[in-house]
């Protein structure tokens, strides 16, 4: 039993290309974000994985990537406004940001799992125009590069 994916050997160039494209795109995003909020950056990292390792996945579609993160931003903002940011009530509200984002993504057909991380990050860190713009910029750039390179991308999972 090999520790490597059986598809790696014949398609190693695809694996390398997609990993390099993901690295370059997220580098561009990080240059703009300046690592302002580690929780938000983590959800963008997960989005990058989906887009470049699972490009044919329904969750990699721009409607879901952009729409899901918008839902996450809105849910996190609503919870941030309500939260006292300390104690058990805050923890319950932070969890509620995730639950609400799941519910809204499902009913709006914008399911994108990392966007629940965006909801949690915004709920915990607070509302910020800078975070809104950073997330929207990030997901738009990722979706743009996904669209540009999609014909060359294959599912690696």
Protein backbone atom coordinates (compact mmCIF):
# COMPACT_ATOMS: atom_id res chain seq x y z
CA UNK A 1 0.00 0.00 0.00
CA UNK A 2 1.58 3.27 -1.15
CA UNK A 3 1.38 6.43 0.97
CA UNK A 4 0.81 8.43 -2.25
CA UNK A 5 -2.30 8.95 -4.33
CA UNK A 6 -2.26 6.46 -7.22
CA UNK A 7 -3.00 9.32 -9.63
CA UNK A 8 0.09 11.25 -8.58
CA UNK A 9 2.58 9.37 -10.78
CA UNK A 10 0.90 9.90 -14.14
CA UNK A 11 -0.36 13.39 -13.25
CA UNK A 12 2.47 14.81 -11.14
CA UNK A 13 2.65 17.90 -13.37
CA UNK A 14 -0.98 18.74 -12.61
CA UNK A 15 -0.38 18.33 -8.88
CA UNK A 16 2.65 20.59 -9.04
CA UNK A 17 1.00 23.18 -11.33
CA UNK A 18 -2.12 23.50 -9.20
CA UNK A 19 -0.17 23.72 -5.97
CA UNK A 20 2.07 26.41 -7.46
CA UNK A 21 -0.88 28.41 -8.82
CA UNK A 22 -2.57 28.21 -5.41
CA UNK A 23 0.65 29.39 -3.74
CA UNK A 24 1.04 32.34 -6.11
CA UNK A 25 -2.60 33.43 -5.81
CA UNK A 26 -2.69 33.19 -2.02
CA UNK A 27 0.64 35.08 -1.89
CA UNK A 28 -0.98 37.93 -3.84
CA UNK A 29 -3.95 37.84 -1.47
CA UNK A 30 -1.71 37.85 1.61
CA UNK A 31 0.25 40.82 0.29
CA UNK A 32 -2.99 42.77 0.25
CA UNK A 33 -4.33 41.39 3.56
CA UNK A 34 -1.10 41.94 5.51
CA UNK A 35 -2.20 39.10 7.82
CA UNK A 36 -4.71 41.43 9.47
CA UNK A 37 -6.84 38.71 10.95
CA UNK A 38 -5.52 35.18 11.29
CA UNK A 39 -8.98 33.64 11.71
CA UNK A 40 -10.18 35.14 8.44
CA UNK A 41 -6.95 34.22 6.64
CA UNK A 42 -7.44 30.60 7.75
CA UNK A 43 -10.87 30.41 6.10
CA UNK A 44 -9.40 31.92 2.91
CA UNK A 45 -6.68 29.24 3.04
CA UNK A 46 -9.35 26.54 3.16
CA UNK A 47 -11.11 28.18 0.22
CA UNK A 48 -7.83 28.14 -1.70
CA UNK A 49 -7.53 24.39 -1.11
CA UNK A 50 -11.04 23.73 -2.43
CA UNK A 51 -10.56 25.90 -5.52
CA UNK A 52 -7.20 24.43 -6.56
CA UNK A 53 -7.35 20.84 -5.26
CA UNK A 54 -11.05 20.24 -5.94
CA UNK A 55 -11.76 22.67 -8.82
CA UNK A 56 -14.68 20.65 -10.19
CA UNK A 57 -16.40 20.51 -6.80
CA UNK A 58 -19.68 22.35 -6.53
CA UNK A 59 -18.24 24.25 -3.55
CA UNK A 60 -15.49 25.68 -5.81
CA UNK A 61 -18.04 27.45 -8.04
CA UNK A 62 -17.75 31.26 -7.79
CA UNK A 63 -21.39 31.64 -6.76
CA UNK A 64 -20.72 29.46 -3.73
CA UNK A 65 -17.27 30.83 -2.93
CA UNK A 66 -18.27 34.49 -3.11
CA UNK A 67 -21.85 34.02 -1.92
CA UNK A 68 -20.84 31.76 0.94
CA UNK A 69 -18.27 34.21 2.24
CA UNK A 70 -20.77 37.08 1.96
CA UNK A 71 -23.18 35.03 4.06
CA UNK A 72 -20.35 34.36 6.53
CA UNK A 73 -19.52 38.06 6.72
CA UNK A 74 -23.15 39.00 7.35
CA UNK A 75 -23.73 36.30 9.97
CA UNK A 76 -20.49 37.07 11.78
CA UNK A 77 -21.31 40.78 11.78
CA UNK A 78 -24.78 40.23 13.20
CA UNK A 79 -23.41 38.08 15.99
CA UNK A 80 -20.56 40.49 16.68
CA UNK A 81 -23.08 43.28 17.27
CA UNK A 82 -25.02 41.12 19.74
CA UNK A 83 -22.08 39.57 21.56
CA UNK A 84 -20.64 40.90 24.81
CA UNK A 85 -17.35 39.25 23.64
CA UNK A 86 -16.77 37.48 26.93
CA UNK A 87 -18.24 34.56 28.82
CA UNK A 88 -20.56 31.70 27.98
CA UNK A 89 -23.10 33.92 26.20
CA UNK A 90 -20.44 34.98 23.72
CA UNK A 91 -19.43 31.37 23.10
CA UNK A 92 -23.06 30.47 22.41
CA UNK A 93 -23.42 33.41 20.05
CA UNK A 94 -20.16 32.55 18.25
CA UNK A 95 -21.47 29.02 17.74
CA UNK A 96 -24.71 30.58 16.54
CA UNK A 97 -22.80 32.46 13.83
CA UNK A 98 -21.73 29.12 12.41
CA UNK A 99 -25.21 27.61 12.64
CA UNK A 100 -26.81 30.68 11.08
CA UNK A 101 -24.26 30.74 8.26
CA UNK A 102 -24.94 27.07 7.51
CA UNK A 103 -28.69 27.68 7.46
CA UNK A 104 -28.43 30.74 5.19
CA UNK A 105 -25.92 29.15 2.82
CA UNK A 106 -28.12 26.09 2.42
CA UNK A 107 -31.30 28.05 1.73
CA UNK A 108 -29.53 30.46 -0.67
CA UNK A 109 -27.64 27.67 -2.47
CA UNK A 110 -24.27 29.23 -1.62
CA UNK A 111 -22.80 26.34 0.39
CA UNK A 112 -19.08 26.82 0.93
CA UNK A 113 -17.76 25.21 4.15
CA UNK A 114 -14.86 27.62 4.81
CA UNK A 115 -17.35 30.50 4.85
CA UNK A 116 -18.58 29.28 8.24
CA UNK A 117 -15.04 29.96 9.42
CA UNK A 118 -15.43 33.49 8.11
CA UNK A 119 -18.63 33.83 10.14
CA UNK A 120 -16.83 32.67 13.28
CA UNK A 121 -13.82 34.89 12.63
CA UNK A 122 -15.91 38.01 12.13
CA UNK A 123 -18.10 37.20 15.13
CA UNK A 124 -15.01 36.89 17.33
CA UNK A 125 -12.98 39.77 15.93
CA UNK A 126 -15.76 42.26 15.31
CA UNK A 127 -17.10 44.16 12.34
CA UNK A 128 -14.57 45.94 10.20
CA UNK A 129 -14.78 47.48 6.76
CA UNK A 130 -11.19 46.35 6.32
CA UNK A 131 -12.14 42.71 6.97
CA UNK A 132 -15.16 42.94 4.64
CA UNK A 133 -13.01 44.33 1.84
CA UNK A 134 -10.20 41.86 2.49
CA UNK A 135 -12.50 38.84 2.35
CA UNK A 136 -14.37 40.09 -0.72
CA UNK A 137 -11.10 40.92 -2.50
CA UNK A 138 -9.67 37.51 -1.59
CA UNK A 139 -12.62 35.44 -2.78
CA UNK A 140 -12.99 37.46 -5.97
CA UNK A 141 -9.29 37.05 -6.82
CA UNK A 142 -9.43 33.33 -6.03
CA UNK A 143 -12.57 32.92 -8.15
CA UNK A 144 -11.02 34.92 -11.00
CA UNK A 145 -7.91 32.72 -11.06
CA UNK A 146 -10.10 29.63 -10.78
CA UNK A 147 -11.99 30.78 -13.86
CA UNK A 148 -8.82 31.64 -15.79
CA UNK A 149 -7.11 28.32 -15.04
CA UNK A 150 -10.16 26.05 -14.79
CA UNK A 151 -9.62 24.39 -18.16
CA UNK A 152 -6.17 23.25 -16.94
CA UNK A 153 -7.29 22.18 -13.48
CA UNK A 154 -8.20 18.62 -12.52
CA UNK A 155 -9.62 17.28 -9.29
CA UNK A 156 -6.69 16.07 -7.20
CA UNK A 157 -8.73 14.39 -4.49
